[in-house]
Amino acid sequence: MPRKVISSHEALTLLNKWKSGSTKLFIFSANCGLSCGFAGFVTHVAESALHFEIEGISVKDFNFWVNCHSASFSLVELEEESSLIFAPGRNARDLGTVLAVDLPGDEPGEIEARVVLSELFSAKFIDIKPGS
């Protein structure tokens, strides 16, 4: 999957747009052998940290925060038939813009963790009544 590196300013602008629009996101994180993915919303955007919540679940029961110090950001281009390792059971048509957040490790060039955020589209059904 091709990636385009973007500045932290560009990434924060996109994240603030998603926050202000209450955009539903698919959030995936992998590090140290642990992976998790869920649908949720970004609730806090700052140069130092990002916060995410799941609709209907209290923040005291579930919270997901990302420390963004020294993070690098990139936009990921999905091909329609690409295998979405970070979103099993979904296909590229379910997702919009994809932002990868790479968190550095101790060694130069090492990535300790990656968080992948994507707009999540749901199928919408329109009920059209006869005669309308």
Foldseek 3Di string as FASTA:
>chain_A
DDKAWDDPVVVLVVLVVQQVVVFWKWKWKDAPHDIDIDIWGWPDGDQQKTKTDHPPDDVVRDIDMDGQVVKTKIKDDFDQADDDPRDPPDTPVQWDIKMKIFDADPDPPHTRMIMIMTGGHDDDDDDDDPPD
